[in-house]
Amino acid sequence: MQTSQINFAAFGPEHLEAAVTLSRLAGWPHRLEDWQMALALSEGIVAIEDSRVVGTVLTTSYKGDCAMINMVIVDKAMRGRGLGRKLMDAALRIAANRPLRLVATAEGLPLYEKLGFQVTGAVLQHQGIVGDIAAPAETEAATTADVEAIANLDRLAFGANREGLITYLAKVGEFAVLRRDGRVSGFAALRAFGRGEVIGPVVAAHLKDAKALVAHFITARPSRFLRVDTTADTSLSPWLAEQGLAHVGGGIVMAKPPNRRTTDPAATTFALANQALG
């Protein structure tokens, strides 16, 4: 059977509507605004057959420190033709020599392992509608003057300069902070995403502080649909489930080369911005 030619092009704003359709067919909750944010922070490639977008990939580079590969989607009808591998090859070229990270599905795992990625952890996705819980006394809304300190704390926790991401989040969402001795010692972000709103990233020195930061936004959003993507090693997951945010799935954290950096004790990432952006 003859197949038509697949062409590749730089991912531009003109491809966003098609990307939303593709992600919805894959069962993802992303809105147009979610794709716009991802593209604004990234470079990407689309695969096109007969003027129709049949595949996407984005590479989100955090300065020269690392790159996240994300939004890897191949139209179900196009699978088995090596399209996923070609999209990944394009993403790797965009990333250049940066260390790489991604969150994989079980379906994508074999391809990423062939490309040299290794499993380094697991993401646990929690979501739901939470009732009333006690408001934390120690958190407060961040101010514009706090954004630089938030970006610096995020850099310590994530191990890469994500100033662009933090600045974008400050425009489309809001931050809460914890202060110790007059300095920002922890923060959480909230923004609209998917079916409701997502809390993340959340960065703090201790699990207790992370819970307080998440609770800050839970109490501010009674009866609203909320999502939190945490990692298995933070121990935040059981508490989220206790609050009514059910564990509904997740992903496989991978890196190339494996991430061997030492975590700064003053800053741990307890929740991700989302699985695409880390």
Protein backbone atom coordinates (compact mmCIF):
# COMPACT_ATOMS: atom_id res chain seq x y z
CA MET A 1 0.00 0.00 0.00
CA GLN A 2 1.38 3.39 -0.96
CA THR A 3 1.68 5.99 1.80
CA SER A 4 1.83 9.72 1.31
CA GLN A 5 4.89 11.76 2.20
CA ILE A 6 5.30 13.24 5.65
CA ASN A 7 6.94 16.65 5.84
CA PHE A 8 8.39 18.38 8.90
CA ALA A 9 8.15 22.06 9.75
CA ALA A 10 9.00 24.39 12.60
CA PHE A 11 6.13 24.49 15.10
CA GLY A 12 4.49 27.90 14.77
CA PRO A 13 1.35 29.62 16.08
CA GLU A 14 -0.48 28.53 12.94
CA HIS A 15 -0.21 24.90 14.12
CA LEU A 16 -1.72 25.43 17.58
CA GLU A 17 -5.34 24.64 16.75
CA ALA A 18 -4.29 21.40 15.08
CA ALA A 19 -2.12 20.52 18.09
CA VAL A 20 -5.09 21.00 20.43
CA THR A 21 -7.13 18.61 18.29
CA LEU A 22 -4.31 16.07 18.26
CA SER A 23 -3.87 16.22 22.04
CA ARG A 24 -7.60 15.84 22.64
CA LEU A 25 -7.66 12.72 20.46
CA ALA A 26 -4.83 11.40 22.65
CA GLY A 27 -6.93 12.01 25.77
CA TRP A 28 -4.91 14.97 27.05
CA PRO A 29 -6.69 17.87 28.79
CA HIS A 30 -4.65 20.71 27.24
CA ARG A 31 -6.48 23.86 26.16
CA LEU A 32 -5.32 26.22 23.46
CA GLU A 33 -3.86 28.46 26.18
CA ASP A 34 -1.83 25.54 27.56
CA TRP A 35 -0.33 24.88 24.15
CA GLN A 36 0.36 28.59 23.70
CA MET A 37 2.32 28.65 26.95
CA ALA A 38 4.31 25.55 26.05
CA LEU A 39 5.17 26.93 22.62
CA ALA A 40 6.09 30.36 23.99
CA LEU A 41 8.74 28.69 26.17
CA SER A 42 9.92 26.18 23.58
CA GLU A 43 10.97 25.35 20.05
CA GLY A 44 9.24 22.54 18.24
CA ILE A 45 8.56 20.50 15.15
CA VAL A 46 5.32 19.34 13.57
CA ALA A 47 4.85 16.44 11.18
CA ILE A 48 2.44 17.15 8.33
CA GLU A 49 0.72 14.78 5.93
CA ASP A 50 -1.59 16.19 3.23
CA SER A 51 -1.72 19.56 5.04
CA ARG A 52 -2.77 17.87 8.30
CA VAL A 53 -0.68 17.93 11.48
CA VAL A 54 -0.09 14.30 12.47
CA GLY A 55 2.70 14.69 15.01
CA THR A 56 4.21 17.22 17.42
CA VAL A 57 7.22 17.62 19.69
CA LEU A 58 8.54 20.54 21.75
CA THR A 59 11.94 21.15 23.30
CA THR A 60 11.93 23.52 26.26
CA SER A 61 15.46 24.74 26.89
CA TYR A 62 16.31 26.24 30.26
CA LYS A 63 19.26 28.42 29.30
CA GLY A 64 22.26 26.15 28.71
CA ASP A 65 21.51 24.05 31.80
CA CYS A 66 19.12 21.43 30.44
CA ALA A 67 16.20 20.85 28.09
CA MET A 68 12.81 19.20 28.61
CA ILE A 69 11.42 17.26 25.67
CA ASN A 70 7.64 17.26 25.77
CA MET A 71 4.31 17.25 23.93
CA VAL A 72 5.38 14.22 21.90
CA ILE A 73 2.21 13.13 20.09
CA VAL A 74 1.74 10.95 17.04
CA ASP A 75 -1.67 10.54 15.45
CA LYS A 76 -2.92 7.05 16.21
CA ALA A 77 -3.43 6.31 12.51
CA MET A 78 0.22 7.17 11.78
CA ARG A 79 1.88 4.92 14.34
CA GLY A 80 4.23 2.19 13.22
CA ARG A 81 5.89 4.33 10.57
CA GLY A 82 8.82 5.58 12.65
CA LEU A 83 7.31 9.03 13.06
CA GLY A 84 7.93 9.17 16.81
CA ARG A 85 11.63 8.47 16.27
CA LYS A 86 11.90 11.21 13.64
CA LEU A 87 10.21 13.73 15.91
CA MET A 88 12.54 12.80 18.75
CA ASP A 89 15.58 13.14 16.50
CA ALA A 90 14.41 16.66 15.64
CA ALA A 91 13.92 17.48 19.33
CA LEU A 92 17.42 16.25 20.15
CA ARG A 93 18.87 18.50 17.47
CA ILE A 94 17.11 21.50 18.99
CA ALA A 95 18.40 20.60 22.46
CA ALA A 96 21.99 20.45 21.12
CA ASN A 97 24.38 19.42 23.89
CA ARG A 98 22.14 20.18 26.86
CA PRO A 99 21.37 17.46 29.42
CA LEU A 100 17.91 16.12 28.64
CA ARG A 101 14.85 15.36 30.74
CA LEU A 102 11.36 14.12 29.93
CA VAL A 103 8.34 12.46 31.50
CA ALA A 104 7.38 9.34 29.56
CA THR A 105 4.27 7.29 29.19
CA ALA A 106 4.59 3.52 29.37
CA GLU A 107 3.89 3.47 25.62
CA GLY A 108 6.77 5.83 24.84
CA LEU A 109 9.26 4.22 27.22
CA PRO A 110 10.84 1.74 24.75
CA LEU A 111 11.66 4.48 22.23
CA TYR A 112 13.23 6.73 24.85
CA GLU A 113 15.31 3.86 26.22
CA LYS A 114 16.61 3.17 22.70
CA LEU A 115 17.65 6.82 22.52
CA GLY A 116 19.71 6.50 25.70
CA PHE A 117 17.29 7.90 28.29
CA GLN A 118 17.29 6.21 31.69
CA VAL A 119 14.53 6.05 34.31
CA THR A 120 15.26 8.31 37.29
CA GLY A 121 11.89 8.49 39.09
CA ALA A 122 8.12 8.65 38.80
CA VAL A 123 5.53 11.42 38.60
CA LEU A 124 2.27 10.95 40.49
CA GLN A 125 -0.67 12.93 39.15
CA HIS A 126 -3.29 13.97 41.72
CA GLN A 127 -6.50 15.78 40.94
CA GLY A 128 -10.01 16.40 42.14
CA ILE A 129 -12.31 18.81 43.95
CA VAL A 130 -11.43 19.52 47.56
CA GLY A 131 -13.75 20.69 50.30
CA ASP A 132 -12.85 23.01 53.14
CA ILE A 133 -9.50 22.54 54.85
CA ALA A 134 -7.75 24.70 57.39
CA ALA A 135 -5.98 27.72 55.92
CA PRO A 136 -2.25 27.85 56.71
CA ALA A 137 -1.18 30.79 58.85
CA GLU A 138 2.36 31.05 57.55
CA THR A 139 1.83 31.57 53.80
CA GLU A 140 1.03 34.77 51.95
CA ALA A 141 0.45 36.01 48.42
CA ALA A 142 3.66 36.89 46.61
CA THR A 143 4.36 40.35 45.29
CA THR A 144 6.05 41.43 42.07
CA ALA A 145 9.18 42.10 44.13
CA ASP A 146 9.32 38.39 45.06
CA VAL A 147 9.61 37.04 41.51
CA GLU A 148 13.41 37.26 41.38
CA ALA A 149 13.75 35.41 44.70
CA ILE A 150 11.26 32.79 43.49
CA ALA A 151 13.30 32.24 40.32
CA ASN A 152 16.51 31.89 42.35
CA LEU A 153 14.90 29.34 44.68
CA ASP A 154 13.52 27.40 41.72
CA ARG A 155 17.01 27.31 40.20
CA LEU A 156 18.40 25.72 43.36
CA ALA A 157 15.67 23.08 43.41
CA PHE A 158 15.44 22.26 39.71
CA GLY A 159 19.13 22.58 38.92
CA ALA A 160 18.54 24.86 35.93
CA ASN A 161 17.74 28.49 35.24
CA ARG A 162 13.99 28.66 34.55
CA GLU A 163 13.65 32.42 34.80
CA GLY A 164 11.56 32.49 31.62
CA LEU A 165 9.08 29.97 33.02
CA ILE A 166 8.77 31.79 36.35
CA THR A 167 8.24 35.12 34.59
CA TYR A 168 5.54 33.58 32.39
CA LEU A 169 3.79 32.05 35.41
CA ALA A 170 3.79 35.42 37.14
CA LYS A 171 1.88 36.86 34.15
CA VAL A 172 -0.74 34.13 33.75
CA GLY A 173 -1.10 32.91 37.34
CA GLU A 174 -0.19 33.75 40.90
CA PHE A 175 2.37 32.80 43.53
CA ALA A 176 2.22 32.15 47.25
CA VAL A 177 5.35 32.31 49.41
CA LEU A 178 6.75 31.37 52.79
CA ARG A 179 9.20 33.74 54.42
CA ARG A 180 11.92 32.96 56.93
CA ASP A 181 13.94 35.82 58.42
CA GLY A 182 12.47 38.16 55.84
CA ARG A 183 13.47 36.00 52.86
CA VAL A 184 11.45 33.79 50.54
CA SER A 185 12.09 30.22 51.70
CA GLY A 186 9.39 28.48 49.68
CA PHE A 187 6.83 29.15 46.98
CA ALA A 188 3.95 27.67 45.03
CA ALA A 189 2.35 28.72 41.75
CA LEU A 190 -1.24 28.43 40.59
CA ARG A 191 -2.57 28.83 37.05
CA ALA A 192 -5.43 27.72 34.85
CA PHE A 193 -4.67 24.44 33.10
CA GLY A 194 -6.66 21.66 31.50
CA ARG A 195 -9.93 20.94 33.29
CA GLY A 196 -9.31 23.46 36.06
CA GLU A 197 -6.18 24.78 37.72
CA VAL A 198 -2.77 23.31 38.49
CA ILE A 199 -0.71 23.96 41.62
CA GLY A 200 2.97 23.90 40.77
CA PRO A 201 5.82 24.26 40.84
CA VAL A 202 6.03 23.98 44.61
CA VAL A 203 9.47 24.46 46.13
CA ALA A 204 10.26 24.31 49.84
CA ALA A 205 12.88 23.13 52.28
CA HIS A 206 10.60 20.67 54.09
CA LEU A 207 7.51 18.56 53.46
CA LYS A 208 5.60 20.52 56.11
CA ASP A 209 6.24 23.76 54.25
CA ALA A 210 5.23 22.19 50.93
CA LYS A 211 1.91 21.09 52.44
CA ALA A 212 1.27 24.62 53.71
CA LEU A 213 1.96 26.11 50.27
CA VAL A 214 -0.38 23.66 48.53
CA ALA A 215 -3.02 24.26 51.22
CA HIS A 216 -2.76 28.01 50.57
CA PHE A 217 -4.28 27.50 47.13
CA ILE A 218 -6.64 24.69 48.08
CA THR A 219 -8.29 26.98 50.64
CA ALA A 220 -8.44 29.78 48.07
CA ARG A 221 -10.22 27.53 45.56
CA PRO A 222 -13.04 25.73 47.42
CA SER A 223 -15.00 23.33 45.22
CA ARG A 224 -12.69 23.98 42.24
CA PHE A 225 -11.03 21.26 40.17
CA LEU A 226 -7.33 21.20 41.07
CA ARG A 227 -4.35 19.20 39.85
CA VAL A 228 -0.93 18.61 41.41
CA ASP A 229 1.90 16.65 39.77
CA THR A 230 4.34 15.48 42.42
CA THR A 231 7.13 12.91 42.39
CA ALA A 232 7.25 9.66 44.32
CA ASP A 233 10.37 10.61 46.27
CA THR A 234 8.86 13.72 47.92
CA SER A 235 6.31 11.85 50.10
CA LEU A 236 3.71 14.52 49.29
CA SER A 237 1.41 12.06 47.48
CA PRO A 238 -0.28 10.44 50.53
CA TRP A 239 -1.16 13.86 51.98
CA LEU A 240 -2.64 15.01 48.66
CA ALA A 241 -4.84 11.92 48.59
CA GLU A 242 -5.98 12.63 52.15
CA GLN A 243 -7.11 16.09 51.06
CA GLY A 244 -9.28 14.63 48.31
CA LEU A 245 -6.87 14.94 45.37
CA ALA A 246 -6.95 11.38 44.08
CA HIS A 247 -3.96 9.68 42.49
CA VAL A 248 -5.11 9.18 38.90
CA GLY A 249 -1.94 8.22 37.06
CA GLY A 250 1.38 9.79 36.26
CA GLY A 251 4.50 9.28 34.22
CA ILE A 252 8.05 7.98 34.19
CA VAL A 253 10.83 10.49 34.82
CA MET A 254 13.77 9.98 32.46
CA ALA A 255 17.06 11.73 31.83
CA LYS A 256 19.99 11.60 29.44
CA PRO A 257 22.51 11.41 30.98
CA PRO A 258 21.04 10.31 34.32
CA ASN A 259 20.73 13.21 36.73
CA ARG A 260 23.39 12.79 39.41
CA ARG A 261 23.34 16.31 40.82
CA THR A 262 23.18 16.88 44.56
CA THR A 263 19.93 18.44 45.76
CA ASP A 264 20.30 21.68 47.70
CA PRO A 265 18.88 21.09 51.21
CA ALA A 266 17.31 24.55 51.16
CA ALA A 267 15.12 23.81 48.17
CA THR A 268 13.27 20.70 46.99
CA THR A 269 10.74 20.59 44.16
CA PHE A 270 7.63 19.01 45.71
CA ALA A 271 5.36 19.60 42.70
CA LEU A 272 6.03 20.22 39.02
CA ALA A 273 4.81 23.08 36.84
CA ASN A 274 3.34 20.15 34.93
CA GLN A 275 4.71 16.98 33.38
CA ALA A 276 5.77 18.77 30.19
CA LEU A 277 7.75 21.60 31.76
CA GLY A 278 9.14 19.86 34.85
